Amino acid sequence: MIRLFVGIALPEHIRARLHQYMRPEWPGTRWVNPKQLHLTLQFLGNTPEQRLPEIQYALSSIQASAFSLSIKGVGVFPSPNRARVLWAGVVPSPALMDLQQAIQQALHPLGYPPEKRPYHPHITLARFKGKAPDSLAEYLEHNHTLALQPFPVDTYTLFQSTLRRTGAVYTPIAQFPLLPA
């Protein structure tokens, strides 16, 4: 079994900028390795390795156009009072939302049902173990205006996620091109 998800890899300059928003001094916080920052489009979970060809075929059949992605703001899940995940927001452009829907539709016949919750595009920056840091509210207030320069997205990727004690490691398995915009 391998753990899979479909996502968008971020360019190096975007990962470097997001790294500037990480605060290693927060105890009990597991920051995502900047090299692992990405936007998840659909989580597939544990999957028999022999299913890879049909998953890749389904993903390769998607006809979606390239687009620009914008990162704006920071927030937490599920709520500021019970924060477990700190994220950078992704502007939900129509092209991004169409791609995410197309991926769900392509994978649903293979036994990967669409998420029941609405898709909220974000880039996970950190996970909190136990109580979030006392300075979280100040951090959110100070960084709510985060806005990075839009960047082009012309591919999406099938990733393998390997869980390690130091955090997950994401390895690209296959890339799928988007149509020229």
C-alpha atoms as a PDB file:
ATOM      1  CA  MET A   1       0.000   0.000   0.000  1.00  0.00           C
ATOM      2  CA  ILE A   2       1.114   3.511  -0.773  1.00  0.00           C
ATOM      3  CA  ARG A   3      -0.422   6.742   0.481  1.00  0.00           C
ATOM      4  CA  LEU A   4      -1.397   9.068  -2.374  1.00  0.00           C
ATOM      5  CA  PHE A   5      -2.743  12.522  -3.095  1.00  0.00           C
ATOM      6  CA  VAL A   6      -3.112  14.789  -6.107  1.00  0.00           C
ATOM      7  CA  GLY A   7      -1.755  18.294  -5.778  1.00  0.00           C
ATOM      8  CA  ILE A   8       0.105  21.239  -7.201  1.00  0.00           C
ATOM      9  CA  ALA A   9       3.805  21.587  -6.485  1.00  0.00           C
ATOM     10  CA  LEU A  10       4.826  25.131  -5.603  1.00  0.00           C
ATOM     11  CA  PRO A  11       7.712  26.916  -7.323  1.00  0.00           C
ATOM     12  CA  GLU A  12      10.867  27.408  -5.273  1.00  0.00           C
ATOM     13  CA  HIS A  13      10.436  31.199  -4.946  1.00  0.00           C
ATOM     14  CA  ILE A  14       6.928  30.727  -3.498  1.00  0.00           C
ATOM     15  CA  ARG A  15       8.134  28.085  -1.033  1.00  0.00           C
ATOM     16  CA  ALA A  16      10.949  30.432   0.024  1.00  0.00           C
ATOM     17  CA  ARG A  17       8.502  33.283   0.624  1.00  0.00           C
ATOM     18  CA  LEU A  18       6.151  31.065   2.658  1.00  0.00           C
ATOM     19  CA  HIS A  19       9.124  29.860   4.703  1.00  0.00           C
ATOM     20  CA  GLN A  20       9.499  33.442   5.931  1.00  0.00           C
ATOM     21  CA  TYR A  21       6.125  33.069   7.677  1.00  0.00           C
ATOM     22  CA  MET A  22       7.245  30.088   9.767  1.00  0.00           C
ATOM     23  CA  ARG A  23       8.036  30.546  13.447  1.00  0.00           C
ATOM     24  CA  PRO A  24      10.286  27.760  14.721  1.00  0.00           C
ATOM     25  CA  GLU A  25      10.175  29.147  18.277  1.00  0.00           C
ATOM     26  CA  TRP A  26       6.614  27.891  18.834  1.00  0.00           C
ATOM     27  CA  PRO A  27       6.872  24.784  21.036  1.00  0.00           C
ATOM     28  CA  GLY A  28       4.617  21.883  20.123  1.00  0.00           C
ATOM     29  CA  THR A  29       4.343  23.076  16.530  1.00  0.00           C
ATOM     30  CA  ARG A  30       5.331  20.865  13.599  1.00  0.00           C
ATOM     31  CA  TRP A  31       6.228  23.125  10.683  1.00  0.00           C
ATOM     32  CA  VAL A  32       6.027  21.682   7.190  1.00  0.00           C
ATOM     33  CA  ASN A  33       9.427  21.373   5.558  1.00  0.00           C
ATOM     34  CA  PRO A  34       9.490  24.214   2.991  1.00  0.00           C
ATOM     35  CA  LYS A  35      10.510  21.709   0.282  1.00  0.00           C
ATOM     36  CA  GLN A  36       7.239  19.836   0.963  1.00  0.00           C
ATOM     37  CA  LEU A  37       4.852  22.815   0.673  1.00  0.00           C
ATOM     38  CA  HIS A  38       2.087  22.134  -1.867  1.00  0.00           C
ATOM     39  CA  LEU A  39      -1.610  22.593  -2.602  1.00  0.00           C
ATOM     40  CA  THR A  40      -3.654  19.405  -2.195  1.00  0.00           C
ATOM     41  CA  LEU A  41      -6.411  18.892  -4.775  1.00  0.00           C
ATOM     42  CA  GLN A  42      -7.610  15.456  -3.611  1.00  0.00           C
ATOM     43  CA  PHE A  43      -6.357  13.068  -0.951  1.00  0.00           C
ATOM     44  CA  LEU A  44      -6.582   9.414  -1.982  1.00  0.00           C
ATOM     45  CA  GLY A  45      -5.096   7.752   1.093  1.00  0.00           C
ATOM     46  CA  ASN A  46      -3.707   4.242   1.287  1.00  0.00           C
ATOM     47  CA  THR A  47      -3.905   2.613  -2.129  1.00  0.00           C
ATOM     48  CA  PRO A  48      -2.659  -0.719  -3.481  1.00  0.00           C
ATOM     49  CA  GLU A  49       0.352  -0.005  -5.682  1.00  0.00           C
ATOM     50  CA  GLN A  50      -1.124  -2.039  -8.558  1.00  0.00           C
ATOM     51  CA  ARG A  51      -3.869   0.637  -8.895  1.00  0.00           C
ATOM     52  CA  LEU A  52      -1.346   3.277  -9.993  1.00  0.00           C
ATOM     53  CA  PRO A  53      -1.825   2.706 -13.758  1.00  0.00           C
ATOM     54  CA  GLU A  54      -5.609   3.218 -13.619  1.00  0.00           C
ATOM     55  CA  ILE A  55      -5.236   6.287 -11.408  1.00  0.00           C
ATOM     56  CA  GLN A  56      -2.641   7.763 -13.763  1.00  0.00           C
ATOM     57  CA  TYR A  57      -4.842   6.988 -16.769  1.00  0.00           C
ATOM     58  CA  ALA A  58      -7.859   8.696 -15.137  1.00  0.00           C
ATOM     59  CA  LEU A  59      -5.798  11.765 -14.261  1.00  0.00           C
ATOM     60  CA  SER A  60      -4.241  11.946 -17.724  1.00  0.00           C
ATOM     61  CA  SER A  61      -7.715  12.089 -19.298  1.00  0.00           C
ATOM     62  CA  ILE A  62      -8.541  15.422 -17.635  1.00  0.00           C
ATOM     63  CA  GLN A  63      -8.802  18.355 -20.021  1.00  0.00           C
ATOM     64  CA  ALA A  64      -8.228  21.528 -17.993  1.00  0.00           C
ATOM     65  CA  SER A  65      -6.468  24.781 -18.844  1.00  0.00           C
ATOM     66  CA  ALA A  66      -3.398  26.273 -17.219  1.00  0.00           C
ATOM     67  CA  PHE A  67      -4.037  29.170 -14.837  1.00  0.00           C
ATOM     68  CA  SER A  68      -2.410  31.466 -12.304  1.00  0.00           C
ATOM     69  CA  LEU A  69      -2.518  30.746  -8.591  1.00  0.00           C
ATOM     70  CA  SER A  70      -2.606  33.438  -5.910  1.00  0.00           C
ATOM     71  CA  ILE A  71      -1.761  32.988  -2.237  1.00  0.00           C
ATOM     72  CA  LYS A  72      -3.479  35.374   0.110  1.00  0.00           C
ATOM     73  CA  GLY A  73      -3.935  35.502   3.872  1.00  0.00           C
ATOM     74  CA  VAL A  74      -3.376  33.040   6.689  1.00  0.00           C
ATOM     75  CA  GLY A  75      -5.800  31.145   8.874  1.00  0.00           C
ATOM     76  CA  VAL A  76      -6.383  28.054  10.968  1.00  0.00           C
ATOM     77  CA  PHE A  77      -8.517  24.923  10.991  1.00  0.00           C
ATOM     78  CA  PRO A  78     -10.917  24.187  12.535  1.00  0.00           C
ATOM     79  CA  SER A  79     -11.225  27.513  14.423  1.00  0.00           C
ATOM     80  CA  PRO A  80      -9.020  30.047  16.234  1.00  0.00           C
ATOM     81  CA  ASN A  81     -10.145  28.633  19.600  1.00  0.00           C
ATOM     82  CA  ARG A  82      -9.244  25.049  18.648  1.00  0.00           C
ATOM     83  CA  ALA A  83      -6.493  25.570  16.063  1.00  0.00           C
ATOM     84  CA  ARG A  84      -4.886  22.367  14.800  1.00  0.00           C
ATOM     85  CA  VAL A  85      -3.600  23.512  11.381  1.00  0.00           C
ATOM     86  CA  LEU A  86      -2.073  26.829  10.323  1.00  0.00           C
ATOM     87  CA  TRP A  87      -2.448  27.558   6.607  1.00  0.00           C
ATOM     88  CA  ALA A  88      -1.769  30.105   3.889  1.00  0.00           C
ATOM     89  CA  GLY A  89      -4.870  30.778   1.828  1.00  0.00           C
ATOM     90  CA  VAL A  90      -5.186  30.130  -1.896  1.00  0.00           C
ATOM     91  CA  VAL A  91      -7.576  32.281  -3.916  1.00  0.00           C
ATOM     92  CA  PRO A  92     -10.243  29.870  -5.261  1.00  0.00           C
ATOM     93  CA  SER A  93     -10.180  30.939  -8.914  1.00  0.00           C
ATOM     94  CA  PRO A  94     -12.735  29.350 -11.276  1.00  0.00           C
ATOM     95  CA  ALA A  95      -9.942  27.484 -13.123  1.00  0.00           C
ATOM     96  CA  LEU A  96      -8.563  26.027  -9.873  1.00  0.00           C
ATOM     97  CA  MET A  97     -12.009  24.962  -8.698  1.00  0.00           C
ATOM     98  CA  ASP A  98     -12.779  23.427 -12.120  1.00  0.00           C
ATOM     99  CA  LEU A  99      -9.541  21.410 -11.996  1.00  0.00           C
ATOM    100  CA  GLN A 100     -10.280  20.180  -8.493  1.00  0.00           C
ATOM    101  CA  GLN A 101     -13.802  19.139  -9.544  1.00  0.00           C
ATOM    102  CA  ALA A 102     -12.479  17.401 -12.677  1.00  0.00           C
ATOM    103  CA  ILE A 103     -10.020  15.405 -10.558  1.00  0.00           C
ATOM    104  CA  GLN A 104     -12.791  14.317  -8.187  1.00  0.00           C
ATOM    105  CA  GLN A 105     -15.010  13.305 -11.109  1.00  0.00           C
ATOM    106  CA  ALA A 106     -12.202  11.355 -12.802  1.00  0.00           C
ATOM    107  CA  LEU A 107     -11.294   9.437  -9.647  1.00  0.00           C
ATOM    108  CA  HIS A 108     -14.814   8.801  -8.301  1.00  0.00           C
ATOM    109  CA  PRO A 109     -15.428   5.778 -10.607  1.00  0.00           C
ATOM    110  CA  LEU A 110     -12.230   4.253  -9.198  1.00  0.00           C
ATOM    111  CA  GLY A 111     -13.652   4.306  -5.675  1.00  0.00           C
ATOM    112  CA  TYR A 112     -12.376   7.679  -4.463  1.00  0.00           C
ATOM    113  CA  PRO A 113     -15.497   9.583  -3.453  1.00  0.00           C
ATOM    114  CA  PRO A 114     -15.531  13.377  -3.495  1.00  0.00           C
ATOM    115  CA  GLU A 115     -15.013  15.153  -0.187  1.00  0.00           C
ATOM    116  CA  LYS A 116     -18.244  15.858   1.648  1.00  0.00           C
ATOM    117  CA  ARG A 117     -16.920  19.215   2.862  1.00  0.00           C
ATOM    118  CA  PRO A 118     -16.562  22.107   0.416  1.00  0.00           C
ATOM    119  CA  TYR A 119     -13.070  22.446  -1.032  1.00  0.00           C
ATOM    120  CA  HIS A 120     -11.092  25.149   0.782  1.00  0.00           C
ATOM    121  CA  PRO A 121      -7.804  25.584  -1.098  1.00  0.00           C
ATOM    122  CA  HIS A 122      -4.907  26.203   1.273  1.00  0.00           C
ATOM    123  CA  ILE A 123      -1.265  25.392   1.867  1.00  0.00           C
ATOM    124  CA  THR A 124      -0.601  23.810   5.240  1.00  0.00           C
ATOM    125  CA  LEU A 125       2.236  25.604   7.017  1.00  0.00           C
ATOM    126  CA  ALA A 126       2.113  23.896  10.422  1.00  0.00           C
ATOM    127  CA  ARG A 127       0.241  21.502  12.668  1.00  0.00           C
ATOM    128  CA  PHE A 128      -0.234  22.099  16.374  1.00  0.00           C
ATOM    129  CA  LYS A 129       0.153  19.332  18.917  1.00  0.00           C
ATOM    130  CA  GLY A 130      -2.189  20.114  21.761  1.00  0.00           C
ATOM    131  CA  LYS A 131      -2.843  23.781  22.486  1.00  0.00           C
ATOM    132  CA  ALA A 132      -1.865  26.340  19.855  1.00  0.00           C
ATOM    133  CA  PRO A 133       0.732  28.964  20.861  1.00  0.00           C
ATOM    134  CA  ASP A 134      -0.499  31.924  22.891  1.00  0.00           C
ATOM    135  CA  SER A 135       0.862  34.292  20.241  1.00  0.00           C
ATOM    136  CA  LEU A 136      -1.245  32.696  17.458  1.00  0.00           C
ATOM    137  CA  ALA A 137      -3.912  35.433  17.493  1.00  0.00           C
ATOM    138  CA  GLU A 138      -1.191  38.083  17.172  1.00  0.00           C
ATOM    139  CA  TYR A 139       0.449  36.100  14.342  1.00  0.00           C
ATOM    140  CA  LEU A 140      -2.851  35.826  12.450  1.00  0.00           C
ATOM    141  CA  GLU A 141      -3.576  39.527  12.890  1.00  0.00           C
ATOM    142  CA  HIS A 142      -0.074  40.525  11.802  1.00  0.00           C
ATOM    143  CA  ASN A 143      -0.031  38.242   8.725  1.00  0.00           C
ATOM    144  CA  HIS A 144      -3.645  38.372   7.517  1.00  0.00           C
ATOM    145  CA  THR A 145      -2.537  40.651   4.678  1.00  0.00           C
ATOM    146  CA  LEU A 146      -0.142  38.038   3.236  1.00  0.00           C
ATOM    147  CA  ALA A 147      -0.359  38.318  -0.556  1.00  0.00           C
ATOM    148  CA  LEU A 148       2.182  36.697  -2.846  1.00  0.00           C
ATOM    149  CA  GLN A 149       2.643  37.452  -6.522  1.00  0.00           C
ATOM    150  CA  PRO A 150       0.453  35.137  -8.677  1.00  0.00           C
ATOM    151  CA  PHE A 151       2.375  32.316 -10.346  1.00  0.00           C
ATOM    152  CA  PRO A 152       1.534  30.108 -13.342  1.00  0.00           C
ATOM    153  CA  VAL A 153       0.287  26.546 -12.911  1.00  0.00           C
ATOM    154  CA  ASP A 154       0.703  24.372 -15.975  1.00  0.00           C
ATOM    155  CA  THR A 155       0.840  20.914 -14.360  1.00  0.00           C
ATOM    156  CA  TYR A 156      -0.599  18.974 -11.446  1.00  0.00           C
ATOM    157  CA  THR A 157       1.016  15.992  -9.760  1.00  0.00           C
ATOM    158  CA  LEU A 158       0.214  12.593  -8.269  1.00  0.00           C
ATOM    159  CA  PHE A 159       2.269  12.394  -5.066  1.00  0.00           C
ATOM    160  CA  GLN A 160       3.185   9.592  -2.723  1.00  0.00           C
ATOM    161  CA  SER A 161       3.094  10.608   0.929  1.00  0.00           C
ATOM    162  CA  THR A 162       5.444   8.720   3.231  1.00  0.00           C
ATOM    163  CA  LEU A 163       4.848   9.325   6.932  1.00  0.00           C
ATOM    164  CA  ARG A 164       8.000   9.670   9.028  1.00  0.00           C
ATOM    165  CA  ARG A 165       8.622  10.690  12.627  1.00  0.00           C
ATOM    166  CA  THR A 166       9.999  14.004  11.362  1.00  0.00           C
ATOM    167  CA  GLY A 167       6.924  14.639   9.204  1.00  0.00           C
ATOM    168  CA  ALA A 168       5.548  13.496   5.868  1.00  0.00           C
ATOM    169  CA  VAL A 169       7.739  13.307   2.772  1.00  0.00           C
ATOM    170  CA  TYR A 170       6.006  13.898  -0.567  1.00  0.00           C
ATOM    171  CA  THR A 171       7.455  12.247  -3.653  1.00  0.00           C
ATOM    172  CA  PRO A 172       6.106  13.046  -7.146  1.00  0.00           C
ATOM    173  CA  ILE A 173       4.977   9.893  -8.980  1.00  0.00           C
ATOM    174  CA  ALA A 174       3.572  11.451 -12.162  1.00  0.00           C
ATOM    175  CA  GLN A 175       2.934  14.934 -13.553  1.00  0.00           C
ATOM    176  CA  PHE A 176      -0.001  15.850 -15.764  1.00  0.00           C
ATOM    177  CA  PRO A 177       0.117  18.857 -18.092  1.00  0.00           C
ATOM    178  CA  LEU A 178      -2.663  21.399 -18.305  1.00  0.00           C
ATOM    179  CA  LEU A 179      -3.758  22.803 -21.652  1.00  0.00           C
ATOM    180  CA  PRO A 180      -2.272  26.160 -22.650  1.00  0.00           C
ATOM    181  CA  ALA A 181      -4.479  28.980 -21.401  1.00  0.00           C
END
